[in-house]
Each structure stands twice: as C-alpha cells, then as structure tokens.
Amino acid sequence: MLKTKNWVTLLSIVLLLSTVLAGCGGNNGGAKNAGKTTEEGASGGTKELTFMYRGGTDEQKAYSAVVKKFEEDHPGVKVKIVVTAADQYATKLKAAITGKKLPDVFYFESGDLKAYYYNDILMNLTPYIEKNKDIDLNNIWKYGVDLYRYDGNMAGQGDIYGMPKDVGPFALGYNKTMFEKAGIPLPDKDKPYTWQEFIDVAKKLTKDTNGDGKADQFGTGFNVNWVLQSLVWSNGADWLDSSKRKVTIDDPKFAEALQYFADMQNVYKVTPSAEDAQTLDTYQRWMKGELAFFPVGPWDMSTYEKLPFDYDLMPYPAGSTGKSATWTGSLGIGVSSKTKYPEEAVALVNYLTASKEGMKMLVDAKVQIPNMLDMAKEWAADTSTKPANKQEFLDVVGEYGRVLPGHYTWTAEWYDLFFTDIQPVLDGKITAADYVKQEQPKMQKLLDKAIEQEEKAKAKGKK
C-alpha cells in the first residue's frame, strides 16, 4: 500500500493498460442492463469483465489466484486483470474515466465517492447486496462498509456504492529481538507508552553498535505523512472541526504534536537525520533490524515474514488524552455504472470482499486482515503466526482507528498542502507553532474551494 519497490515496471503497466482498456467491455448500456438477469446481459458466449486494481507482488499473486477461482465458480465469465503501481493508479483511473473506458470493476478511494456519485461513475450496489442471501453486512466491519455509503448529502449513510476491499489498520510495530537483546521490558499490549516514556525507550535503543562514533541503530524512523495523525489525535487535536468546514491546525495542541514529531530527530536524536536517510532510508533500516519502532500495515505481513528478527504490534504512544490513535485506511471496490454485465460484476466484487472462500485465500496470502468479523476474531486468536499480537489490528479498526482527514471533503488538496510545505519544520528551521500559523489560512482557502465545488455539485444534482 505504501511501498513501491516490488511493483511492475511503468513500461509493462502502460502496455498492459493500453491493451486492456482498448478492449474494456464496460462502456455501453450499463444503466439499461442494470435490471437484467445474467442470461439477458448478452446474446451468448463468454461474458468478459475487466478488473483494475493496484498492488505489490504478493498482492498480485493473491488476487490473481482469487480471480481464477471466481472464474472456476462462475462458468462463462472471464476476468481480464489490469494491475498498476499505487503511485500510478489514480492517474490511470482518471484517464479511463475521462476516455470513457472505465473498467467494469475497479478500486477507488473513499474520498472520491461523492464526486463519483454526482458524475454517475459508480453503480448502486444496494439492490444486488440485499437480495444476496450469502452476504451478511452485520458480519463485515461497519467502518469499512460505511465508508462507501452515500445518500446524496451525508457520507456514511444511504446506499452502498462500493464494498471495502479491506480495512487497513496502520498499527505500530516494534523489534522484539532488539528489546530482548537490550534487556528492556517488552511494550505492554494493553497500555500505551506516554510520549515521554516512548522517548526514554527510544533513546536507550539508539546506539552506535560498530564503534565508529555514529549511531547506526535508532529508536524510530517515522514518515510524517503517515504517523503525525496518531500524535495529533492522541493529543486532542485535529485537522478539521466537527463541521468539517474549518481547518484547525492552529490549535496549540496540534502544534505541540508536530513539534514532538520534529524533536525526535532534532532534539532527541532517536530518528535518522536527513543525511543518514540518504545512505539508507528508514524502511530499509527497519528491514535490516536497525529500528526499534516502525508502523506495520496488514499489507506488510507477507513481506515481514522474512525479517531477520522477531517483531510484534503495540499501541501507539499516547499524548495528553492518554489514549492511542491512528488511522485505518481502506480501498473500495466498485462497479462501473456503464458495465454491460452488472450481475457478474457485482458477483466479482462480492467474491473479493464478502465471500468466505475468497477472503480466506487473501488472508492466507498475508496481504490483509479478514473483512468478516467472525473470521477476524478467529484469525487474531492464532498467536502462532506473525505478528503474535494480531489483535492490535482489530483494536485499531474497532476502537481507536480513524479515517484520514481528506476523506471528509470534496477534494483533499487542502490536506495535501500541509505535507507539501512541511520539510522546514522537520529540518528544525521553523517551529511547529509558526508553521501552523502560516499554513492554516492557505489550507482554509483550499478547503473553502472544495466546499464550494461540493455545493455546486449538489445544486446541479446527479447526472
């Protein structure tokens, strides 16, 4: 989800995409066919669906296997796969939409739901899901399903326009072997460190192990884009107020959290410097066993099977609220409103997201946690597989995980700007307090623009 090193090359992506999109079957007559049965969807022959998604090597293998099994269970249906790297996916999907060559089934971000709704990109899945006796929405993470509900006014309620491909709790991992070697008690899986306790342990684990006078083992190696949310939320601050119409980063509690993040490198020296990172980035250091703490997502589990050390999960350190916080990501799988084969397309979505057989294959491949609650509980109870404390993933989804701030607004440009300009704070050239003061009005201007765009879309109505 966050890493690109194993993805297919750009050349192969372009060739594959151009070949598949040129032959996409999902461009004509979808609305007319929406009520037809499988037999009525075509005059005969094989029904071909196009499925566009993003993923690393292990995910590609897993999804190819699941799609193959779907085809075996659905004679007469063939699925043509389009796979792309994460950093290319949004561009490719936008091009497909603009060129009216949208795949029948595709991944999409929950934050794009409103725009897709008003531009008639997504098919309403509710009628199909309601008549499918094998799907129990009460047994699927409510957080995940609600991300893809919209009633034309409020996100999180109304009809379903996508099913959660997964829920992606961004948990905190630690190098268990490093702790044991240093004789430091392992983190309590039920009680988070305070911010000071976290720094104290990180300092003990930051060491010069080869005697060259420079630290080569560090406490942390966090990316501000993905970890600052935890610090801000656990300190009682946020990017937006409850109305989702005002940027609130100028809150002193927000500045305190940002300063704490920057101080890990500039004051406490428990994070590799920018110069150190040029030699070896923090992900590589974690993989080599040179970092004590590093975030872990379910998509990492297959790769982390090969780590040269034992690792486990723990709660994030807690700020002034005394409670851990982090984000839970998700991708939706939707169906084009123009698909020629709505029944088959929805069947593929359901197989990938809500069938026990399909879900078991994906979970066994160690690329995600189960979507179904009963399966998730059973999976987490097995401590014989890594990480042992898989329950932390479930706690993030069910208790202290949140959606990223950009999800709430028509566009996320205002939110992205915050991270675009942030480097001087990380380098210690400007204080967090000064940064949030200067950045808030710029972000508010972009948010106001997003609100205006949404109001225009609502006034115009759905196409």
Protein backbone atom coordinates (compact mmCIF):
# COMPACT_ATOMS: atom_id res chain seq x y z
CA MET A 1 0.00 0.00 0.00
CA LEU A 2 2.78 2.42 0.84
CA LYS A 3 5.75 0.73 -0.75
CA THR A 4 6.63 0.68 -4.44
CA LYS A 5 9.77 -1.39 -4.71
CA ASN A 6 8.07 -4.60 -5.83
CA TRP A 7 5.62 -3.20 -8.31
CA VAL A 8 5.68 -3.86 -12.02
CA THR A 9 7.62 -1.52 -14.26
CA LEU A 10 5.99 1.53 -15.78
CA LEU A 11 6.54 0.19 -19.30
CA SER A 12 4.70 -3.04 -18.63
CA ILE A 13 1.92 -1.10 -16.91
CA VAL A 14 1.43 1.19 -19.88
CA LEU A 15 1.43 -1.70 -22.37
CA LEU A 16 -0.94 -3.76 -20.28
CA LEU A 17 -3.27 -0.87 -19.57
CA SER A 18 -3.46 0.28 -23.17
CA THR A 19 -4.23 -3.26 -24.32
CA VAL A 20 -6.91 -3.89 -21.74
CA LEU A 21 -8.62 -0.52 -21.73
CA ALA A 22 -8.84 -0.61 -25.51
CA GLY A 23 -10.95 -3.71 -25.12
CA CYS A 24 -12.94 -2.81 -21.99
CA GLY A 25 -16.43 -4.18 -22.19
CA GLY A 26 -17.79 -1.79 -19.58
CA ASN A 27 -18.60 1.23 -21.68
CA ASN A 28 -22.02 0.75 -23.19
CA GLY A 29 -25.51 0.24 -21.95
CA GLY A 30 -24.82 -0.24 -18.24
CA ALA A 31 -27.81 1.70 -16.98
CA LYS A 32 -30.08 -0.11 -19.44
CA ASN A 33 -28.76 -3.50 -18.36
CA ALA A 34 -28.81 -2.81 -14.63
CA GLY A 35 -32.02 -4.75 -14.06
CA LYS A 36 -31.33 -7.65 -16.42
CA THR A 37 -30.50 -11.16 -15.39
CA THR A 38 -27.26 -12.88 -16.32
CA GLU A 39 -28.91 -14.55 -19.30
CA GLU A 40 -30.26 -11.23 -20.58
CA GLY A 41 -26.90 -9.44 -20.30
CA ALA A 42 -25.56 -10.82 -23.57
CA SER A 43 -26.76 -12.74 -26.56
CA GLY A 44 -24.44 -15.59 -25.69
CA GLY A 45 -20.84 -16.60 -25.34
CA THR A 46 -18.32 -15.63 -22.69
CA LYS A 47 -19.03 -12.56 -20.61
CA GLU A 48 -15.79 -10.63 -20.11
CA LEU A 49 -15.21 -8.32 -17.14
CA THR A 50 -12.27 -6.00 -16.66
CA PHE A 51 -10.91 -5.64 -13.13
CA MET A 52 -8.49 -2.78 -12.46
CA TYR A 53 -6.55 -2.63 -9.20
CA ARG A 54 -3.22 -1.74 -7.65
CA GLY A 55 -0.87 -3.86 -5.58
CA GLY A 56 2.58 -5.20 -4.89
CA THR A 57 3.95 -8.56 -5.97
CA ASP A 58 2.36 -10.61 -3.18
CA GLU A 59 -1.00 -8.91 -3.62
CA GLN A 60 -0.89 -9.53 -7.35
CA LYS A 61 -0.31 -13.24 -6.80
CA ALA A 62 -3.11 -13.40 -4.23
CA TYR A 63 -5.67 -11.55 -6.31
CA SER A 64 -4.81 -13.47 -9.47
CA ALA A 65 -5.47 -16.69 -7.59
CA VAL A 66 -8.79 -15.45 -6.20
CA VAL A 67 -9.94 -14.20 -9.60
CA LYS A 68 -9.05 -17.56 -11.15
CA LYS A 69 -11.13 -19.34 -8.51
CA PHE A 70 -14.01 -16.92 -9.18
CA GLU A 71 -13.89 -17.84 -12.86
CA GLU A 72 -13.99 -21.54 -11.97
CA ASP A 73 -17.05 -20.97 -9.82
CA HIS A 74 -18.74 -18.80 -12.48
CA PRO A 75 -18.59 -20.64 -15.83
CA GLY A 76 -18.96 -18.35 -18.82
CA VAL A 77 -17.37 -15.38 -17.06
CA LYS A 78 -13.80 -14.29 -17.77
CA VAL A 79 -11.96 -11.54 -15.93
CA LYS A 80 -9.26 -9.50 -17.61
CA ILE A 81 -6.95 -8.01 -14.95
CA VAL A 82 -5.34 -4.58 -15.13
CA VAL A 83 -2.78 -4.01 -12.38
CA THR A 84 -0.80 -0.85 -11.73
CA ALA A 85 1.52 0.60 -9.10
CA ALA A 86 -0.06 2.61 -6.32
CA ASP A 87 1.52 5.90 -7.37
CA GLN A 88 0.24 5.44 -10.94
CA TYR A 89 -3.23 4.16 -10.15
CA ALA A 90 -5.12 7.43 -9.64
CA THR A 91 -3.76 8.86 -12.89
CA LYS A 92 -4.65 5.71 -14.84
CA LEU A 93 -8.13 5.55 -13.37
CA LYS A 94 -8.77 9.21 -14.14
CA ALA A 95 -7.64 8.64 -17.73
CA ALA A 96 -10.00 5.69 -18.03
CA ILE A 97 -12.90 7.78 -16.72
CA THR A 98 -12.10 10.71 -19.00
CA GLY A 99 -11.70 8.42 -22.00
CA LYS A 100 -14.98 6.64 -21.23
CA LYS A 101 -13.13 3.34 -20.96
CA LEU A 102 -13.81 2.63 -17.32
CA PRO A 103 -13.22 -0.99 -16.24
CA ASP A 104 -16.25 -2.97 -15.09
CA VAL A 105 -14.80 -3.42 -11.59
CA PHE A 106 -12.14 -1.22 -10.01
CA TYR A 107 -10.56 0.06 -6.82
CA PHE A 108 -11.42 3.57 -5.71
CA GLU A 109 -10.67 5.84 -2.76
CA SER A 110 -13.48 6.52 -0.30
CA GLY A 111 -12.75 10.25 -0.59
CA ASP A 112 -13.76 10.13 -4.27
CA LEU A 113 -17.21 8.69 -3.56
CA LYS A 114 -19.09 11.99 -3.63
CA ALA A 115 -17.61 13.10 -6.95
CA TYR A 116 -18.21 9.68 -8.48
CA TYR A 117 -21.79 9.71 -7.22
CA TYR A 118 -22.63 13.04 -8.82
CA ASN A 119 -20.91 12.11 -12.07
CA ASP A 120 -22.62 8.72 -12.30
CA ILE A 121 -19.37 6.75 -12.26
CA LEU A 122 -20.43 4.08 -9.76
CA MET A 123 -23.34 1.68 -9.84
CA ASN A 124 -25.55 1.43 -6.74
CA LEU A 125 -24.77 -2.00 -5.27
CA THR A 126 -27.52 -1.99 -2.63
CA PRO A 127 -30.22 -3.87 -4.63
CA TYR A 128 -27.76 -6.63 -5.51
CA ILE A 129 -26.39 -6.95 -1.99
CA GLU A 130 -29.82 -7.01 -0.38
CA LYS A 131 -31.00 -9.93 -2.50
CA ASN A 132 -27.83 -11.95 -1.93
CA LYS A 133 -28.58 -14.26 0.98
CA ASP A 134 -24.90 -15.14 1.39
CA ILE A 135 -23.87 -11.61 2.37
CA ASP A 136 -24.31 -10.56 5.99
CA LEU A 137 -23.42 -6.89 6.31
CA ASN A 138 -23.63 -7.21 10.09
CA ASN A 139 -20.65 -9.57 9.91
CA ILE A 140 -18.49 -7.12 7.92
CA TRP A 141 -16.60 -4.23 9.53
CA LYS A 142 -19.18 -1.43 9.81
CA TYR A 143 -16.36 1.10 9.49
CA GLY A 144 -15.48 -0.35 6.08
CA VAL A 145 -19.00 -0.59 4.69
CA ASP A 146 -19.97 2.91 5.85
CA LEU A 147 -17.04 4.45 4.01
CA TYR A 148 -18.81 3.61 0.76
CA ARG A 149 -22.33 4.68 1.68
CA TYR A 150 -23.77 7.95 0.40
CA ASP A 151 -27.30 9.35 0.31
CA GLY A 152 -26.57 12.41 -1.80
CA ASN A 153 -25.96 14.57 1.24
CA MET A 154 -24.12 12.77 4.02
CA ALA A 155 -21.26 10.32 3.60
CA GLY A 156 -21.55 7.20 5.75
CA GLN A 157 -25.26 6.69 5.27
CA GLY A 158 -27.59 5.67 2.49
CA ASP A 159 -26.98 3.28 -0.38
CA ILE A 160 -23.76 1.36 -0.93
CA TYR A 161 -21.64 2.32 -3.95
CA GLY A 162 -18.67 0.09 -3.18
CA MET A 163 -17.62 -2.71 -0.90
CA PRO A 164 -14.47 -2.47 1.23
CA LYS A 165 -11.63 -4.31 -0.44
CA ASP A 166 -10.25 -4.37 3.08
CA VAL A 167 -9.78 -2.28 6.16
CA GLY A 168 -6.15 -1.30 6.63
CA PRO A 169 -5.31 -0.55 10.27
CA PHE A 170 -1.97 1.29 10.43
CA ALA A 171 -0.59 -0.28 13.59
CA LEU A 172 2.72 0.28 15.38
CA GLY A 173 5.32 -2.46 15.26
CA TYR A 174 8.41 -2.99 17.35
CA ASN A 175 11.60 -5.03 17.03
CA LYS A 176 11.07 -7.65 19.72
CA THR A 177 14.54 -9.11 19.27
CA MET A 178 16.14 -5.71 19.86
CA PHE A 179 14.21 -5.24 23.10
CA GLU A 180 15.20 -8.65 24.38
CA LYS A 181 18.85 -8.18 23.47
CA ALA A 182 18.92 -4.84 25.34
CA GLY A 183 17.14 -6.28 28.36
CA ILE A 184 14.28 -3.78 28.09
CA PRO A 185 10.78 -4.95 29.10
CA LEU A 186 8.54 -5.50 26.09
CA PRO A 187 5.81 -2.91 25.50
CA ASP A 188 2.50 -3.60 27.22
CA LYS A 189 -0.02 -4.64 24.57
CA ASP A 190 -2.86 -3.15 26.62
CA LYS A 191 -1.32 0.09 27.92
CA PRO A 192 0.34 2.66 25.63
CA TYR A 193 3.56 4.48 26.47
CA THR A 194 3.25 8.14 27.32
CA TRP A 195 5.14 10.39 24.93
CA GLN A 196 7.97 10.74 27.44
CA GLU A 197 8.15 7.00 28.07
CA PHE A 198 8.35 6.40 24.35
CA ILE A 199 11.27 8.83 24.01
CA ASP A 200 13.04 7.28 27.01
CA VAL A 201 12.89 3.79 25.48
CA ALA A 202 13.79 5.05 22.01
CA LYS A 203 16.90 6.77 23.42
CA LYS A 204 18.02 3.54 25.10
CA LEU A 205 17.70 1.72 21.79
CA THR A 206 19.56 4.34 19.74
CA LYS A 207 23.13 3.08 19.67
CA ASP A 208 26.49 3.08 17.93
CA THR A 209 26.83 -0.67 17.51
CA ASN A 210 30.02 -0.71 15.41
CA GLY A 211 32.08 1.80 17.40
CA ASP A 212 32.58 4.34 14.60
CA GLY A 213 31.26 7.21 16.71
CA LYS A 214 27.92 7.49 14.87
CA ALA A 215 24.58 5.90 15.70
CA ASP A 216 23.62 3.09 13.35
CA GLN A 217 20.69 1.74 15.37
CA PHE A 218 17.77 4.08 16.04
CA GLY A 219 14.60 4.17 18.08
CA THR A 220 12.31 5.42 15.32
CA GLY A 221 12.11 6.16 11.63
CA PHE A 222 8.63 7.58 11.14
CA ASN A 223 7.26 9.19 7.99
CA VAL A 224 5.39 12.38 8.90
CA ASN A 225 2.69 11.73 6.27
CA TRP A 226 1.57 8.55 7.99
CA VAL A 227 2.40 8.91 11.71
CA LEU A 228 1.66 12.55 12.58
CA GLN A 229 -2.07 11.75 12.63
CA SER A 230 -1.51 9.45 15.62
CA LEU A 231 0.27 12.15 17.61
CA VAL A 232 -2.20 14.90 16.73
CA TRP A 233 -5.30 12.86 17.52
CA SER A 234 -3.90 11.36 20.73
CA ASN A 235 -3.14 14.90 21.89
CA GLY A 236 -6.77 16.00 21.42
CA ALA A 237 -6.28 17.99 18.20
CA ASP A 238 -7.35 17.50 14.57
CA TRP A 239 -7.10 18.98 11.08
CA LEU A 240 -10.81 19.91 10.92
CA ASP A 241 -13.52 20.96 13.34
CA SER A 242 -16.68 18.88 13.79
CA SER A 243 -18.44 20.64 10.90
CA LYS A 244 -15.59 19.66 8.53
CA ARG A 245 -15.60 23.24 7.23
CA LYS A 246 -12.81 24.82 9.25
CA VAL A 247 -9.09 23.95 9.30
CA THR A 248 -7.95 23.73 12.94
CA ILE A 249 -4.22 23.10 12.70
CA ASP A 250 -3.51 26.37 14.54
CA ASP A 251 -4.65 24.69 17.77
CA PRO A 252 -1.73 24.74 20.28
CA LYS A 253 -2.26 21.01 20.90
CA PHE A 254 -1.72 20.39 17.20
CA ALA A 255 1.49 22.42 17.21
CA GLU A 256 2.67 20.50 20.28
CA ALA A 257 2.20 17.18 18.49
CA LEU A 258 4.02 18.37 15.37
CA GLN A 259 6.89 19.77 17.42
CA TYR A 260 7.18 16.45 19.29
CA PHE A 261 7.50 14.68 15.95
CA ALA A 262 10.23 17.04 14.72
CA ASP A 263 12.07 16.83 18.05
CA MET A 264 12.51 13.08 17.66
CA GLN A 265 15.15 13.87 15.07
CA ASN A 266 16.42 17.32 16.00
CA VAL A 267 16.39 17.20 19.82
CA TYR A 268 16.23 13.59 20.99
CA LYS A 269 18.28 12.19 18.08
CA VAL A 270 16.31 8.93 18.04
CA THR A 271 15.47 9.23 14.33
CA PRO A 272 17.99 9.07 11.46
CA SER A 273 18.91 12.51 10.14
CA ALA A 274 18.20 13.55 6.56
CA GLU A 275 21.85 12.77 5.79
CA ASP A 276 21.53 9.31 7.36
CA ALA A 277 18.36 8.67 5.35
CA GLN A 278 20.19 9.35 2.10
CA THR A 279 22.51 6.45 2.86
CA LEU A 280 19.74 4.09 3.93
CA ASP A 281 16.05 5.00 4.17
CA THR A 282 14.07 4.14 7.28
CA TYR A 283 12.12 1.30 5.65
CA GLN A 284 15.40 -0.38 4.69
CA ARG A 285 16.73 0.18 8.20
CA TRP A 286 13.65 -1.48 9.68
CA MET A 287 14.03 -4.42 7.31
CA LYS A 288 17.65 -4.82 8.40
CA GLY A 289 16.78 -4.69 12.11
CA GLU A 290 18.21 -1.22 12.76
CA LEU A 291 15.00 0.45 14.04
CA ALA A 292 13.15 -0.28 17.27
CA PHE A 293 9.73 1.08 16.20
CA PHE A 294 8.10 1.19 12.77
CA PRO A 295 4.49 1.24 11.53
CA VAL A 296 3.03 -2.02 10.23
CA GLY A 297 0.03 -2.47 7.97
CA PRO A 298 -1.67 -5.77 7.16
CA TRP A 299 -0.28 -5.48 3.62
CA ASP A 300 3.21 -5.81 5.13
CA MET A 301 2.67 -9.20 6.73
CA SER A 302 3.80 -11.34 3.80
CA THR A 303 6.99 -9.29 3.36
CA TYR A 304 7.73 -9.18 7.08
CA GLU A 305 7.67 -12.97 7.25
CA LYS A 306 11.25 -12.73 6.01
CA LEU A 307 12.54 -10.21 8.58
CA PRO A 308 15.83 -11.23 10.25
CA PHE A 309 14.30 -10.54 13.68
CA ASP A 310 11.08 -11.14 15.59
CA TYR A 311 8.55 -8.32 15.61
CA ASP A 312 5.17 -7.66 17.17
CA LEU A 313 2.49 -4.96 17.47
CA MET A 314 1.78 -2.49 20.27
CA PRO A 315 -0.45 0.55 20.91
CA TYR A 316 0.79 3.93 19.67
CA PRO A 317 2.22 6.25 22.36
CA ALA A 318 -0.49 8.46 23.82
CA GLY A 319 -0.46 12.23 24.14
CA SER A 320 -2.47 14.34 26.58
CA THR A 321 -5.68 12.31 26.06
CA GLY A 322 -3.98 9.20 27.45
CA LYS A 323 -5.37 7.19 24.53
CA SER A 324 -3.75 5.76 21.42
CA ALA A 325 -4.83 6.93 18.00
CA THR A 326 -4.01 6.09 14.40
CA TRP A 327 -5.72 5.87 11.05
CA THR A 328 -7.46 3.00 9.33
CA GLY A 329 -7.29 3.03 5.60
CA SER A 330 -9.44 1.25 3.09
CA LEU A 331 -9.98 0.91 -0.62
CA GLY A 332 -13.37 0.32 -2.11
CA ILE A 333 -14.16 -1.99 -4.98
CA GLY A 334 -16.88 -0.54 -7.16
CA VAL A 335 -18.73 -1.36 -10.36
CA SER A 336 -18.96 0.95 -13.34
CA SER A 337 -22.45 2.35 -13.88
CA LYS A 338 -21.90 1.53 -17.57
CA THR A 339 -20.98 -2.13 -17.21
CA LYS A 340 -22.71 -4.48 -19.63
CA TYR A 341 -22.76 -7.25 -17.04
CA PRO A 342 -23.93 -5.83 -13.71
CA GLU A 343 -24.84 -9.19 -12.15
CA GLU A 344 -21.46 -10.70 -12.93
CA ALA A 345 -19.58 -7.55 -11.93
CA VAL A 346 -21.29 -7.41 -8.53
CA ALA A 347 -20.66 -11.13 -8.10
CA LEU A 348 -16.93 -10.48 -8.57
CA VAL A 349 -16.99 -7.64 -6.04
CA ASN A 350 -18.79 -9.83 -3.53
CA TYR A 351 -16.38 -12.71 -4.10
CA LEU A 352 -13.40 -10.45 -3.42
CA THR A 353 -14.88 -8.71 -0.38
CA ALA A 354 -17.61 -10.77 1.27
CA SER A 355 -17.19 -14.45 0.42
CA LYS A 356 -15.55 -16.77 2.93
CA GLU A 357 -13.72 -18.65 0.21
CA GLY A 358 -12.27 -15.57 -1.48
CA MET A 359 -11.45 -13.86 1.80
CA LYS A 360 -9.66 -16.92 3.18
CA MET A 361 -7.38 -17.01 0.14
CA LEU A 362 -6.45 -13.34 0.60
CA VAL A 363 -5.93 -13.65 4.35
CA ASP A 364 -3.84 -16.82 3.94
CA ALA A 365 -1.66 -14.85 1.50
CA LYS A 366 -0.97 -12.40 4.37
CA VAL A 367 -1.95 -9.28 2.45
CA GLN A 368 -4.89 -8.14 4.60
CA ILE A 369 -6.97 -8.83 7.67
CA PRO A 370 -10.36 -10.56 7.26
CA ASN A 371 -13.33 -8.41 6.29
CA MET A 372 -15.70 -10.68 8.19
CA LEU A 373 -15.86 -10.20 11.95
CA ASP A 374 -16.12 -13.87 12.89
CA MET A 375 -13.20 -14.77 10.65
CA ALA A 376 -11.17 -11.84 12.01
CA LYS A 377 -11.61 -12.92 15.62
CA GLU A 378 -10.53 -16.47 14.83
CA TRP A 379 -7.57 -15.19 12.83
CA ALA A 380 -6.37 -12.85 15.59
CA ALA A 381 -6.62 -15.59 18.22
CA ASP A 382 -3.91 -17.59 16.44
CA THR A 383 -0.72 -16.31 18.07
CA SER A 384 1.46 -18.90 16.35
CA THR A 385 1.80 -16.74 13.23
CA LYS A 386 3.43 -13.32 13.00
CA PRO A 387 2.69 -10.88 14.37
CA ALA A 388 1.55 -12.65 17.52
CA ASN A 389 -0.48 -9.66 18.72
CA LYS A 390 -2.72 -9.50 15.65
CA GLN A 391 -5.46 -8.38 17.98
CA GLU A 392 -3.90 -4.90 17.77
CA PHE A 393 -5.02 -4.70 14.15
CA LEU A 394 -8.58 -5.44 15.22
CA ASP A 395 -8.38 -2.94 18.09
CA VAL A 396 -7.34 -0.23 15.65
CA VAL A 397 -10.33 -0.90 13.39
CA GLY A 398 -12.86 -1.42 16.15
CA GLU A 399 -11.68 1.03 18.81
CA TYR A 400 -9.13 3.73 18.05
CA GLY A 401 -8.61 4.00 14.31
CA ARG A 402 -9.97 6.90 12.27
CA VAL A 403 -10.35 7.80 8.63
CA LEU A 404 -7.78 10.23 7.20
CA PRO A 405 -8.98 13.88 7.18
CA GLY A 406 -9.07 14.20 3.39
CA HIS A 407 -11.89 11.66 3.26
CA TYR A 408 -14.43 14.18 4.51
CA THR A 409 -14.07 16.79 1.78
CA TRP A 410 -14.77 17.07 -1.94
CA THR A 411 -11.04 17.23 -2.66
CA ALA A 412 -8.04 16.70 -0.38
CA GLU A 413 -5.86 19.48 -1.81
CA TRP A 414 -6.09 21.44 1.45
CA TYR A 415 -4.85 18.41 3.41
CA ASP A 416 -2.09 17.54 0.93
CA LEU A 417 -0.74 21.10 1.11
CA PHE A 418 0.08 20.62 4.79
CA PHE A 419 2.61 17.89 3.98
CA THR A 420 3.88 19.54 0.82
CA ASP A 421 5.22 22.51 2.80
CA ILE A 422 6.34 20.73 5.97
CA GLN A 423 10.03 19.99 5.38
CA PRO A 424 11.39 23.15 7.12
CA VAL A 425 9.71 22.01 10.36
CA LEU A 426 11.28 18.56 10.10
CA ASP A 427 14.67 20.15 9.47
CA GLY A 428 14.33 22.36 12.55
CA LYS A 429 14.36 25.59 10.51
CA ILE A 430 10.92 26.72 11.67
CA THR A 431 8.93 25.93 14.79
CA ALA A 432 5.71 23.95 14.59
CA ALA A 433 3.82 26.87 16.16
CA ASP A 434 4.98 29.27 13.43
CA TYR A 435 4.29 26.72 10.72
CA VAL A 436 0.67 26.01 11.63
CA LYS A 437 0.01 29.73 11.99
CA GLN A 438 1.22 30.48 8.47
CA GLU A 439 -0.26 27.35 6.88
CA GLN A 440 -3.80 27.49 8.29
CA PRO A 441 -5.11 30.33 6.06
CA LYS A 442 -3.64 28.74 2.93
CA MET A 443 -5.27 25.43 3.75
CA GLN A 444 -8.57 27.11 4.64
CA LYS A 445 -8.63 28.79 1.25
CA LEU A 446 -8.33 25.42 -0.49
CA LEU A 447 -10.93 23.87 1.81
CA ASP A 448 -13.37 26.71 1.05
CA LYS A 449 -12.85 25.96 -2.64
CA ALA A 450 -13.61 22.27 -2.06
CA ILE A 451 -16.78 23.16 -0.14
CA GLU A 452 -17.88 25.45 -2.97
CA GLN A 453 -17.30 22.68 -5.52
CA GLU A 454 -19.37 20.26 -3.47
CA GLU A 455 -22.23 22.71 -3.08
CA LYS A 456 -22.28 23.33 -6.83
CA ALA A 457 -22.40 19.60 -7.50
CA LYS A 458 -25.30 19.14 -5.08
CA ALA A 459 -27.20 22.05 -6.61
CA LYS A 460 -26.70 20.63 -10.08
CA GLY A 461 -27.81 17.18 -8.95
CA LYS A 462 -26.75 13.72 -10.02
CA LYS A 463 -26.35 13.16 -13.74
